[in-house]
């Protein structure tokens, strides 16, 4: 294999989950809302989720209430990051005349 060979890999998407928590289990990071890697937010979102979860758990209500509070608190920001990530992925991978327009409007 050539060291300078170009490789391809799949970048997949899925619709948002209706809920991130159930009973005593909760998802965080890309497990609950995957994002395309164009914004480099995967690790940052996981860290934010852990901090928010720790804060919600420190209130010491019933566990299910704490997990729902975490989910309600995080969903708006996570949804926004996922929307912007999808939009950016489409924008960055335009081809043909659309790519030319993008390049004139967004010079790097």
PDB file of N, CA and C in Angstrom:
ATOM      1  N   UNK A   1       0.841  -1.177   0.000  1.00  0.00           N
ATOM      2  CA  UNK A   1       0.000   0.000   0.000  1.00  0.00           C
ATOM      3  C   UNK A   1       0.890   1.245   0.000  1.00  0.00           C
ATOM      4  N   UNK A   2       0.486   2.219  -0.766  1.00  0.00           N
ATOM      5  CA  UNK A   2       1.236   3.469  -0.876  1.00  0.00           C
ATOM      6  C   UNK A   2       1.003   4.343   0.354  1.00  0.00           C
ATOM      7  N   UNK A   3       2.065   4.883   0.944  1.00  0.00           N
ATOM      8  CA  UNK A   3       1.879   5.717   2.142  1.00  0.00           C
ATOM      9  C   UNK A   3       1.076   6.981   1.876  1.00  0.00           C
ATOM     10  N   UNK A   4       1.071   7.459   0.620  1.00  0.00           N
ATOM     11  CA  UNK A   4       0.327   8.682   0.325  1.00  0.00           C
ATOM     12  C   UNK A   4      -1.036   8.396  -0.313  1.00  0.00           C
ATOM     13  N   UNK A   5      -1.476   7.142  -0.231  1.00  0.00           N
ATOM     14  CA  UNK A   5      -2.769   6.772  -0.805  1.00  0.00           C
ATOM     15  C   UNK A   5      -3.900   7.453  -0.040  1.00  0.00           C
ATOM     16  N   UNK A   6      -4.951   7.743  -0.759  1.00  0.00           N
ATOM     17  CA  UNK A   6      -6.116   8.399  -0.151  1.00  0.00           C
ATOM     18  C   UNK A   6      -7.109   7.338   0.305  1.00  0.00           C
ATOM     19  N   UNK A   7      -7.653   7.495   1.478  1.00  0.00           N
ATOM     20  CA  UNK A   7      -8.603   6.535   2.022  1.00  0.00           C
ATOM     21  C   UNK A   7      -9.971   7.189   2.145  1.00  0.00           C
ATOM     22  N   UNK A   8     -10.989   6.366   2.061  1.00  0.00           N
ATOM     23  CA  UNK A   8     -12.362   6.830   2.249  1.00  0.00           C
ATOM     24  C   UNK A   8     -12.964   6.087   3.424  1.00  0.00           C
ATOM     25  N   UNK A   9     -13.835   6.757   4.161  1.00  0.00           N
ATOM     26  CA  UNK A   9     -14.546   6.105   5.244  1.00  0.00           C
ATOM     27  C   UNK A   9     -15.949   6.704   5.297  1.00  0.00           C
ATOM     28  N   UNK A  10     -16.844   5.967   5.847  1.00  0.00           N
ATOM     29  CA  UNK A  10     -18.231   6.412   5.918  1.00  0.00           C
ATOM     30  C   UNK A  10     -18.413   7.385   7.074  1.00  0.00           C
ATOM     31  N   UNK A  11     -19.141   8.436   6.821  1.00  0.00           N
ATOM     32  CA  UNK A  11     -19.573   9.361   7.860  1.00  0.00           C
ATOM     33  C   UNK A  11     -21.092   9.259   7.868  1.00  0.00           C
ATOM     34  N   UNK A  12     -21.621   8.634   8.901  1.00  0.00           N
ATOM     35  CA  UNK A  12     -23.038   8.316   8.946  1.00  0.00           C
ATOM     36  C   UNK A  12     -23.788   9.256   9.884  1.00  0.00           C
ATOM     37  N   UNK A  13     -25.059   9.349   9.660  1.00  0.00           N
ATOM     38  CA  UNK A  13     -25.922  10.198  10.480  1.00  0.00           C
ATOM     39  C   UNK A  13     -27.136   9.371  10.889  1.00  0.00           C
ATOM     40  N   UNK A  14     -27.788   9.808  11.922  1.00  0.00           N
ATOM     41  CA  UNK A  14     -29.036   9.169  12.330  1.00  0.00           C
ATOM     42  C   UNK A  14     -29.916  10.224  12.978  1.00  0.00           C
ATOM     43  N   UNK A  15     -31.218   9.989  12.948  1.00  0.00           N
ATOM     44  CA  UNK A  15     -32.123  10.969  13.569  1.00  0.00           C
ATOM     45  C   UNK A  15     -31.940  11.000  15.084  1.00  0.00           C
ATOM     46  N   UNK A  16     -32.287  12.115  15.705  1.00  0.00           N
ATOM     47  CA  UNK A  16     -32.169  12.219  17.166  1.00  0.00           C
ATOM     48  C   UNK A  16     -33.023  11.171  17.880  1.00  0.00           C
ATOM     49  N   UNK A  17     -32.530  10.702  19.009  1.00  0.00           N
ATOM     50  CA  UNK A  17     -33.295   9.779  19.836  1.00  0.00           C
ATOM     51  C   UNK A  17     -34.392  10.547  20.564  1.00  0.00           C
ATOM     52  N   UNK A  18     -35.544   9.945  20.774  1.00  0.00           N
ATOM     53  CA  UNK A  18     -36.610  10.652  21.506  1.00  0.00           C
ATOM     54  C   UNK A  18     -36.241  10.899  22.969  1.00  0.00           C
ATOM     55  N   UNK A  19     -35.421  10.027  23.542  1.00  0.00           N
ATOM     56  CA  UNK A  19     -35.022  10.188  24.938  1.00  0.00           C
ATOM     57  C   UNK A  19     -33.616   9.637  25.130  1.00  0.00           C
ATOM     58  N   UNK A  20     -32.875  10.239  26.041  1.00  0.00           N
ATOM     59  CA  UNK A  20     -31.508   9.795  26.334  1.00  0.00           C
ATOM     60  C   UNK A  20     -31.434   8.977  27.609  1.00  0.00           C
ATOM     61  N   UNK A  21     -32.507   8.924  28.362  1.00  0.00           N
ATOM     62  CA  UNK A  21     -32.416   8.255  29.660  1.00  0.00           C
ATOM     63  C   UNK A  21     -33.601   7.331  29.881  1.00  0.00           C
ATOM     64  N   UNK A  22     -33.367   6.367  30.738  1.00  0.00           N
ATOM     65  CA  UNK A  22     -34.409   5.441  31.135  1.00  0.00           C
ATOM     66  C   UNK A  22     -33.966   4.721  32.394  1.00  0.00           C
ATOM     67  N   UNK A  23     -34.844   4.694  33.362  1.00  0.00           N
ATOM     68  CA  UNK A  23     -34.541   4.099  34.667  1.00  0.00           C
ATOM     69  C   UNK A  23     -33.253   4.681  35.226  1.00  0.00           C
ATOM     70  N   UNK A  24     -32.206   3.862  35.322  1.00  0.00           N
ATOM     71  CA  UNK A  24     -30.955   4.350  35.930  1.00  0.00           C
ATOM     72  C   UNK A  24     -29.823   4.415  34.908  1.00  0.00           C
ATOM     73  N   UNK A  25     -30.154   4.548  33.611  1.00  0.00           N
ATOM     74  CA  UNK A  25     -29.152   4.616  32.553  1.00  0.00           C
ATOM     75  C   UNK A  25     -29.352   5.910  31.777  1.00  0.00           C
ATOM     76  N   UNK A  26     -28.246   6.550  31.409  1.00  0.00           N
ATOM     77  CA  UNK A  26     -28.335   7.765  30.613  1.00  0.00           C
ATOM     78  C   UNK A  26     -27.202   7.757  29.582  1.00  0.00           C
ATOM     79  N   UNK A  27     -27.478   8.308  28.413  1.00  0.00           N
ATOM     80  CA  UNK A  27     -26.467   8.416  27.367  1.00  0.00           C
ATOM     81  C   UNK A  27     -25.871   9.809  27.389  1.00  0.00           C
ATOM     82  N   UNK A  28     -24.638   9.923  26.941  1.00  0.00           N
ATOM     83  CA  UNK A  28     -24.016  11.234  26.802  1.00  0.00           C
ATOM     84  C   UNK A  28     -23.092  11.226  25.606  1.00  0.00           C
ATOM     85  N   UNK A  29     -22.652  12.414  25.207  1.00  0.00           N
ATOM     86  CA  UNK A  29     -21.756  12.529  24.057  1.00  0.00           C
ATOM     87  C   UNK A  29     -22.414  12.044  22.775  1.00  0.00           C
ATOM     88  N   UNK A  30     -21.610  11.478  21.877  1.00  0.00           N
ATOM     89  CA  UNK A  30     -22.122  11.006  20.593  1.00  0.00           C
ATOM     90  C   UNK A  30     -23.090   9.841  20.723  1.00  0.00           C
ATOM     91  N   UNK A  31     -23.140   9.193  21.872  1.00  0.00           N
ATOM     92  CA  UNK A  31     -24.089   8.094  22.054  1.00  0.00           C
ATOM     93  C   UNK A  31     -25.529   8.595  21.987  1.00  0.00           C
ATOM     94  N   UNK A  32     -25.767   9.840  22.411  1.00  0.00           N
ATOM     95  CA  UNK A  32     -27.137  10.354  22.384  1.00  0.00           C
ATOM     96  C   UNK A  32     -27.411  11.213  21.160  1.00  0.00           C
ATOM     97  N   UNK A  33     -26.439  11.872  20.652  1.00  0.00           N
ATOM     98  CA  UNK A  33     -26.619  12.714  19.470  1.00  0.00           C
ATOM     99  C   UNK A  33     -25.312  12.793  18.701  1.00  0.00           C
ATOM    100  N   UNK A  34     -25.108  11.921  17.720  1.00  0.00           N
ATOM    101  CA  UNK A  34     -23.853  11.983  16.969  1.00  0.00           C
ATOM    102  C   UNK A  34     -23.800  13.230  16.092  1.00  0.00           C
ATOM    103  N   UNK A  35     -22.621  13.774  15.915  1.00  0.00           N
ATOM    104  CA  UNK A  35     -22.440  14.919  15.033  1.00  0.00           C
ATOM    105  C   UNK A  35     -21.372  14.588  14.009  1.00  0.00           C
ATOM    106  N   UNK A  36     -21.478  15.209  12.844  1.00  0.00           N
ATOM    107  CA  UNK A  36     -20.430  15.053  11.845  1.00  0.00           C
ATOM    108  C   UNK A  36     -19.151  15.670  12.399  1.00  0.00           C
ATOM    109  N   UNK A  37     -17.994  15.161  12.012  1.00  0.00           N
ATOM    110  CA  UNK A  37     -16.737  15.647  12.599  1.00  0.00           C
ATOM    111  C   UNK A  37     -16.276  17.006  12.086  1.00  0.00           C
ATOM    112  N   UNK A  38     -17.097  17.719  11.333  1.00  0.00           N
ATOM    113  CA  UNK A  38     -16.663  18.985  10.751  1.00  0.00           C
ATOM    114  C   UNK A  38     -16.487  20.100  11.772  1.00  0.00           C
ATOM    115  N   UNK A  39     -17.126  20.042  12.914  1.00  0.00           N
ATOM    116  CA  UNK A  39     -17.007  21.092  13.927  1.00  0.00           C
ATOM    117  C   UNK A  39     -16.063  20.714  15.065  1.00  0.00           C
ATOM    118  N   UNK A  40     -15.576  19.490  15.063  1.00  0.00           N
ATOM    119  CA  UNK A  40     -14.673  18.998  16.107  1.00  0.00           C
ATOM    120  C   UNK A  40     -15.279  19.207  17.496  1.00  0.00           C
ATOM    121  N   UNK A  41     -16.541  18.826  17.658  1.00  0.00           N
ATOM    122  CA  UNK A  41     -17.251  19.040  18.918  1.00  0.00           C
ATOM    123  C   UNK A  41     -17.517  17.768  19.704  1.00  0.00           C
ATOM    124  N   UNK A  42     -17.149  16.604  19.184  1.00  0.00           N
ATOM    125  CA  UNK A  42     -17.472  15.346  19.851  1.00  0.00           C
ATOM    126  C   UNK A  42     -16.976  15.279  21.282  1.00  0.00           C
ATOM    127  N   UNK A  43     -15.687  15.488  21.489  1.00  0.00           N
ATOM    128  CA  UNK A  43     -15.117  15.420  22.839  1.00  0.00           C
ATOM    129  C   UNK A  43     -15.629  16.567  23.707  1.00  0.00           C
ATOM    130  N   UNK A  44     -15.745  17.753  23.128  1.00  0.00           N
ATOM    131  CA  UNK A  44     -16.222  18.908  23.894  1.00  0.00           C
ATOM    132  C   UNK A  44     -17.644  18.675  24.405  1.00  0.00           C
ATOM    133  N   UNK A  45     -18.498  18.128  23.544  1.00  0.00           N
ATOM    134  CA  UNK A  45     -19.879  17.857  23.957  1.00  0.00           C
ATOM    135  C   UNK A  45     -19.920  16.792  25.055  1.00  0.00           C
ATOM    136  N   UNK A  46     -19.088  15.779  24.945  1.00  0.00           N
ATOM    137  CA  UNK A  46     -19.060  14.739  25.986  1.00  0.00           C
ATOM    138  C   UNK A  46     -18.628  15.332  27.324  1.00  0.00           C
ATOM    139  N   UNK A  47     -17.642  16.213  27.311  1.00  0.00           N
ATOM    140  CA  UNK A  47     -17.177  16.861  28.548  1.00  0.00           C
ATOM    141  C   UNK A  47     -18.287  17.737  29.135  1.00  0.00           C
ATOM    142  N   UNK A  48     -18.969  18.503  28.282  1.00  0.00           N
ATOM    143  CA  UNK A  48     -20.082  19.327  28.755  1.00  0.00           C
ATOM    144  C   UNK A  48     -21.188  18.458  29.339  1.00  0.00           C
ATOM    145  N   UNK A  49     -21.465  17.335  28.680  1.00  0.00           N
ATOM    146  CA  UNK A  49     -22.503  16.433  29.186  1.00  0.00           C
ATOM    147  C   UNK A  49     -22.139  15.903  30.573  1.00  0.00           C
ATOM    148  N   UNK A  50     -20.896  15.502  30.741  1.00  0.00           N
ATOM    149  CA  UNK A  50     -20.474  14.963  32.043  1.00  0.00           C
ATOM    150  C   UNK A  50     -20.603  16.031  33.127  1.00  0.00           C
ATOM    151  N   UNK A  51     -20.184  17.251  32.821  1.00  0.00           N
ATOM    152  CA  UNK A  51     -20.291  18.334  33.811  1.00  0.00           C
ATOM    153  C   UNK A  51     -21.756  18.603  34.162  1.00  0.00           C
ATOM    154  N   UNK A  52     -22.618  18.637  33.159  1.00  0.00           N
ATOM    155  CA  UNK A  52     -24.044  18.877  33.415  1.00  0.00           C
ATOM    156  C   UNK A  52     -24.663  17.723  34.200  1.00  0.00           C
ATOM    157  N   UNK A  53     -24.288  16.507  33.854  1.00  0.00           N
ATOM    158  CA  UNK A  53     -24.815  15.343  34.570  1.00  0.00           C
ATOM    159  C   UNK A  53     -24.375  15.365  36.031  1.00  0.00           C
ATOM    160  N   UNK A  54     -23.117  15.689  36.278  1.00  0.00           N
ATOM    161  CA  UNK A  54     -22.618  15.767  37.657  1.00  0.00           C
ATOM    162  C   UNK A  54     -23.394  16.818  38.453  1.00  0.00           C
ATOM    163  N   UNK A  55     -23.664  17.944  37.819  1.00  0.00           N
ATOM    164  CA  UNK A  55     -24.411  19.002  38.513  1.00  0.00           C
ATOM    165  C   UNK A  55     -25.843  18.555  38.817  1.00  0.00           C
ATOM    166  N   UNK A  56     -26.479  17.896  37.850  1.00  0.00           N
ATOM    167  CA  UNK A  56     -27.849  17.415  38.069  1.00  0.00           C
ATOM    168  C   UNK A  56     -27.900  16.341  39.146  1.00  0.00           C
ATOM    169  N   UNK A  57     -26.905  15.481  39.183  1.00  0.00           N
ATOM    170  CA  UNK A  57     -26.883  14.425  40.189  1.00  0.00           C
ATOM    171  C   UNK A  57     -26.572  14.962  41.584  1.00  0.00           C
ATOM    172  N   UNK A  58     -25.939  16.116  41.670  1.00  0.00           N
ATOM    173  CA  UNK A  58     -25.586  16.679  42.979  1.00  0.00           C
ATOM    174  C   UNK A  58     -26.801  17.220  43.727  1.00  0.00           C
ATOM    175  N   UNK A  59     -27.903  17.406  43.032  1.00  0.00           N
ATOM    176  CA  UNK A  59     -29.117  17.899  43.667  1.00  0.00           C
ATOM    177  C   UNK A  59     -29.729  16.841  44.586  1.00  0.00           C
ATOM    178  N   UNK A  60     -29.476  15.593  44.292  1.00  0.00           N
ATOM    179  CA  UNK A  60     -29.906  14.448  45.118  1.00  0.00           C
ATOM    180  C   UNK A  60     -31.412  14.264  45.172  1.00  0.00           C
ATOM    181  N   UNK A  61     -32.078  14.508  44.043  1.00  0.00           N
ATOM    182  CA  UNK A  61     -33.485  14.127  43.916  1.00  0.00           C
ATOM    183  C   UNK A  61     -33.528  12.650  43.559  1.00  0.00           C
ATOM    184  N   UNK A  62     -34.668  12.185  43.161  1.00  0.00           N
ATOM    185  CA  UNK A  62     -34.768  10.813  42.660  1.00  0.00           C
ATOM    186  C   UNK A  62     -33.914  10.717  41.393  1.00  0.00           C
ATOM    187  N   UNK A  63     -33.246   9.605  41.215  1.00  0.00           N
ATOM    188  CA  UNK A  63     -32.323   9.427  40.091  1.00  0.00           C
ATOM    189  C   UNK A  63     -33.002   9.701  38.752  1.00  0.00           C
ATOM    190  N   UNK A  64     -34.182   9.179  38.546  1.00  0.00           N
ATOM    191  CA  UNK A  64     -34.845   9.398  37.257  1.00  0.00           C
ATOM    192  C   UNK A  64     -35.137  10.877  37.030  1.00  0.00           C
ATOM    193  N   UNK A  65     -35.488  11.611  38.062  1.00  0.00           N
ATOM    194  CA  UNK A  65     -35.716  13.058  37.935  1.00  0.00           C
ATOM    195  C   UNK A  65     -34.415  13.770  37.582  1.00  0.00           C
ATOM    196  N   UNK A  66     -33.297  13.364  38.217  1.00  0.00           N
ATOM    197  CA  UNK A  66     -31.996  13.956  37.906  1.00  0.00           C
ATOM    198  C   UNK A  66     -31.616  13.725  36.450  1.00  0.00           C
ATOM    199  N   UNK A  67     -31.847  12.517  35.961  1.00  0.00           N
ATOM    200  CA  UNK A  67     -31.487  12.181  34.582  1.00  0.00           C
ATOM    201  C   UNK A  67     -32.361  12.937  33.588  1.00  0.00           C
ATOM    202  N   UNK A  68     -33.624  13.110  33.897  1.00  0.00           N
ATOM    203  CA  UNK A  68     -34.506  13.892  33.025  1.00  0.00           C
ATOM    204  C   UNK A  68     -34.109  15.371  33.035  1.00  0.00           C
ATOM    205  N   UNK A  69     -33.698  15.872  34.190  1.00  0.00           N
ATOM    206  CA  UNK A  69     -33.251  17.260  34.288  1.00  0.00           C
ATOM    207  C   UNK A  69     -32.016  17.476  33.411  1.00  0.00           C
ATOM    208  N   UNK A  70     -31.056  16.539  33.475  1.00  0.00           N
ATOM    209  CA  UNK A  70     -29.858  16.599  32.639  1.00  0.00           C
ATOM    210  C   UNK A  70     -30.242  16.636  31.161  1.00  0.00           C
ATOM    211  N   UNK A  71     -31.126  15.734  30.767  1.00  0.00           N
ATOM    212  CA  UNK A  71     -31.535  15.653  29.360  1.00  0.00           C
ATOM    213  C   UNK A  71     -32.206  16.953  28.908  1.00  0.00           C
ATOM    214  N   UNK A  72     -33.110  17.469  29.712  1.00  0.00           N
ATOM    215  CA  UNK A  72     -33.813  18.712  29.365  1.00  0.00           C
ATOM    216  C   UNK A  72     -32.849  19.885  29.265  1.00  0.00           C
ATOM    217  N   UNK A  73     -31.843  19.913  30.126  1.00  0.00           N
ATOM    218  CA  UNK A  73     -30.858  20.986  30.127  1.00  0.00           C
ATOM    219  C   UNK A  73     -29.949  20.918  28.900  1.00  0.00           C
ATOM    220  N   UNK A  74     -29.530  19.715  28.504  1.00  0.00           N
ATOM    221  CA  UNK A  74     -28.553  19.547  27.431  1.00  0.00           C
ATOM    222  C   UNK A  74     -29.143  19.515  26.025  1.00  0.00           C
ATOM    223  N   UNK A  75     -30.385  19.093  25.872  1.00  0.00           N
ATOM    224  CA  UNK A  75     -30.941  18.899  24.533  1.00  0.00           C
ATOM    225  C   UNK A  75     -30.899  20.145  23.646  1.00  0.00           C
ATOM    226  N   UNK A  76     -31.256  21.320  24.119  1.00  0.00           N
ATOM    227  CA  UNK A  76     -31.234  22.480  23.217  1.00  0.00           C
ATOM    228  C   UNK A  76     -29.840  22.752  22.624  1.00  0.00           C
ATOM    229  N   UNK A  77     -28.811  22.749  23.448  1.00  0.00           N
ATOM    230  CA  UNK A  77     -27.457  23.020  22.927  1.00  0.00           C
ATOM    231  C   UNK A  77     -26.994  21.893  22.014  1.00  0.00           C
ATOM    232  N   UNK A  78     -27.216  20.662  22.438  1.00  0.00           N
ATOM    233  CA  UNK A  78     -26.785  19.527  21.626  1.00  0.00           C
ATOM    234  C   UNK A  78     -27.513  19.518  20.289  1.00  0.00           C
ATOM    235  N   UNK A  79     -28.786  19.849  20.276  1.00  0.00           N
ATOM    236  CA  UNK A  79     -29.549  19.902  19.028  1.00  0.00           C
ATOM    237  C   UNK A  79     -29.008  20.976  18.099  1.00  0.00           C
ATOM    238  N   UNK A  80     -28.649  22.120  18.664  1.00  0.00           N
ATOM    239  CA  UNK A  80     -28.087  23.200  17.849  1.00  0.00           C
ATOM    240  C   UNK A  80     -26.760  22.766  17.230  1.00  0.00           C
ATOM    241  N   UNK A  81     -25.881  22.160  18.004  1.00  0.00           N
ATOM    242  CA  UNK A  81     -24.592  21.701  17.484  1.00  0.00           C
ATOM    243  C   UNK A  81     -24.811  20.679  16.379  1.00  0.00           C
ATOM    244  N   UNK A  82     -25.763  19.788  16.550  1.00  0.00           N
ATOM    245  CA  UNK A  82     -26.034  18.772  15.534  1.00  0.00           C
ATOM    246  C   UNK A  82     -26.562  19.422  14.252  1.00  0.00           C
ATOM    247  N   UNK A  83     -27.459  20.401  14.353  1.00  0.00           N
ATOM    248  CA  UNK A  83     -27.978  21.095  13.168  1.00  0.00           C
ATOM    249  C   UNK A  83     -26.866  21.835  12.428  1.00  0.00           C
ATOM    250  N   UNK A  84     -26.033  22.563  13.157  1.00  0.00           N
ATOM    251  CA  UNK A  84     -24.945  23.319  12.537  1.00  0.00           C
ATOM    252  C   UNK A  84     -23.929  22.365  11.909  1.00  0.00           C
ATOM    253  N   UNK A  85     -23.692  21.250  12.555  1.00  0.00           N
ATOM    254  CA  UNK A  85     -22.773  20.256  12.016  1.00  0.00           C
ATOM    255  C   UNK A  85     -23.281  19.692  10.693  1.00  0.00           C
ATOM    256  N   UNK A  86     -24.563  19.373  10.623  1.00  0.00           N
ATOM    257  CA  UNK A  86     -25.145  18.871   9.373  1.00  0.00           C
ATOM    258  C   UNK A  86     -25.058  19.918   8.269  1.00  0.00           C
ATOM    259  N   UNK A  87     -25.402  21.149   8.602  1.00  0.00           N
ATOM    260  CA  UNK A  87     -25.335  22.229   7.624  1.00  0.00           C
ATOM    261  C   UNK A  87     -23.903  22.422   7.136  1.00  0.00           C
ATOM    262  N   UNK A  88     -22.955  22.440   8.045  1.00  0.00           N
ATOM    263  CA  UNK A  88     -21.545  22.614   7.677  1.00  0.00           C
ATOM    264  C   UNK A  88     -21.050  21.480   6.794  1.00  0.00           C
ATOM    265  N   UNK A  89     -21.441  20.252   7.108  1.00  0.00           N
ATOM    266  CA  UNK A  89     -21.031  19.101   6.292  1.00  0.00           C
ATOM    267  C   UNK A  89     -21.536  19.265   4.863  1.00  0.00           C
ATOM    268  N   UNK A  90     -22.793  19.682   4.712  1.00  0.00           N
ATOM    269  CA  UNK A  90     -23.331  19.894   3.354  1.00  0.00           C
ATOM    270  C   UNK A  90     -22.577  21.026   2.653  1.00  0.00           C
ATOM    271  N   UNK A  91     -22.338  22.104   3.373  1.00  0.00           N
ATOM    272  CA  UNK A  91     -21.664  23.259   2.791  1.00  0.00           C
ATOM    273  C   UNK A  91     -20.225  22.933   2.389  1.00  0.00           C
ATOM    274  N   UNK A  92     -19.494  22.238   3.230  1.00  0.00           N
ATOM    275  CA  UNK A  92     -18.096  21.929   2.959  1.00  0.00           C
ATOM    276  C   UNK A  92     -17.921  20.935   1.824  1.00  0.00           C
ATOM    277  N   UNK A  93     -18.952  20.140   1.523  1.00  0.00           N
ATOM    278  CA  UNK A  93     -18.825  19.086   0.513  1.00  0.00           C
ATOM    279  C   UNK A  93     -19.600  19.386  -0.766  1.00  0.00           C
ATOM    280  N   UNK A  94     -19.900  20.654  -1.007  1.00  0.00           N
ATOM    281  CA  UNK A  94     -20.542  21.034  -2.256  1.00  0.00           C
ATOM    282  C   UNK A  94     -19.595  20.762  -3.415  1.00  0.00           C
ATOM    283  N   UNK A  95     -20.168  20.523  -4.587  1.00  0.00           N
ATOM    284  CA  UNK A  95     -19.373  20.290  -5.800  1.00  0.00           C
ATOM    285  C   UNK A  95     -19.928  21.147  -6.929  1.00  0.00           C
ATOM    286  N   UNK A  96     -19.145  21.264  -7.973  1.00  0.00           N
ATOM    287  CA  UNK A  96     -19.588  21.961  -9.172  1.00  0.00           C
ATOM    288  C   UNK A  96     -19.802  23.440  -8.944  1.00  0.00           C
ATOM    289  N   UNK A  97     -20.778  24.032  -9.667  1.00  0.00           N
ATOM    290  CA  UNK A  97     -21.025  25.477  -9.559  1.00  0.00           C
ATOM    291  C   UNK A  97     -21.342  25.927  -8.129  1.00  0.00           C
ATOM    292  N   UNK A  98     -22.021  25.079  -7.372  1.00  0.00           N
ATOM    293  CA  UNK A  98     -22.349  25.443  -5.981  1.00  0.00           C
ATOM    294  C   UNK A  98     -21.084  25.643  -5.159  1.00  0.00           C
ATOM    295  N   UNK A  99     -20.076  24.803  -5.400  1.00  0.00           N
ATOM    296  CA  UNK A  99     -18.803  24.948  -4.684  1.00  0.00           C
ATOM    297  C   UNK A  99     -18.121  26.250  -5.074  1.00  0.00           C
ATOM    298  N   UNK A 100     -18.239  26.630  -6.344  1.00  0.00           N
ATOM    299  CA  UNK A 100     -17.643  27.894  -6.782  1.00  0.00           C
ATOM    300  C   UNK A 100     -18.278  29.083  -6.105  1.00  0.00           C
ATOM    301  N   UNK A 101     -19.599  29.067  -5.992  1.00  0.00           N
ATOM    302  CA  UNK A 101     -20.316  30.149  -5.301  1.00  0.00           C
ATOM    303  C   UNK A 101     -19.902  30.190  -3.845  1.00  0.00           C
ATOM    304  N   UNK A 102     -19.864  29.026  -3.193  1.00  0.00           N
ATOM    305  CA  UNK A 102     -19.443  28.962  -1.792  1.00  0.00           C
ATOM    306  C   UNK A 102     -18.037  29.543  -1.624  1.00  0.00           C
ATOM    307  N   UNK A 103     -17.129  29.192  -2.519  1.00  0.00           N
ATOM    308  CA  UNK A 103     -15.747  29.648  -2.411  1.00  0.00           C
ATOM    309  C   UNK A 103     -15.619  31.159  -2.602  1.00  0.00           C
ATOM    310  N   UNK A 104     -16.478  31.742  -3.445  1.00  0.00           N
ATOM    311  CA  UNK A 104     -16.433  33.196  -3.617  1.00  0.00           C
ATOM    312  C   UNK A 104     -17.049  33.923  -2.404  1.00  0.00           C
ATOM    313  N   UNK A 105     -18.079  33.319  -1.830  1.00  0.00           N
ATOM    314  CA  UNK A 105     -18.745  33.958  -0.694  1.00  0.00           C
ATOM    315  C   UNK A 105     -18.013  33.754   0.633  1.00  0.00           C
ATOM    316  N   UNK A 106     -17.318  32.628   0.758  1.00  0.00           N
ATOM    317  CA  UNK A 106     -16.624  32.294   2.008  1.00  0.00           C
ATOM    318  C   UNK A 106     -15.132  32.059   1.741  1.00  0.00           C
ATOM    319  N   UNK A 107     -14.396  33.082   1.360  1.00  0.00           N
ATOM    320  CA  UNK A 107     -12.974  32.853   1.068  1.00  0.00           C
ATOM    321  C   UNK A 107     -12.208  32.468   2.332  1.00  0.00           C
ATOM    322  N   UNK A 108     -11.300  31.577   2.142  1.00  0.00           N
ATOM    323  CA  UNK A 108     -10.486  31.132   3.278  1.00  0.00           C
ATOM    324  C   UNK A 108      -9.093  31.699   3.174  1.00  0.00           C
TER     325      UNK A 108
END
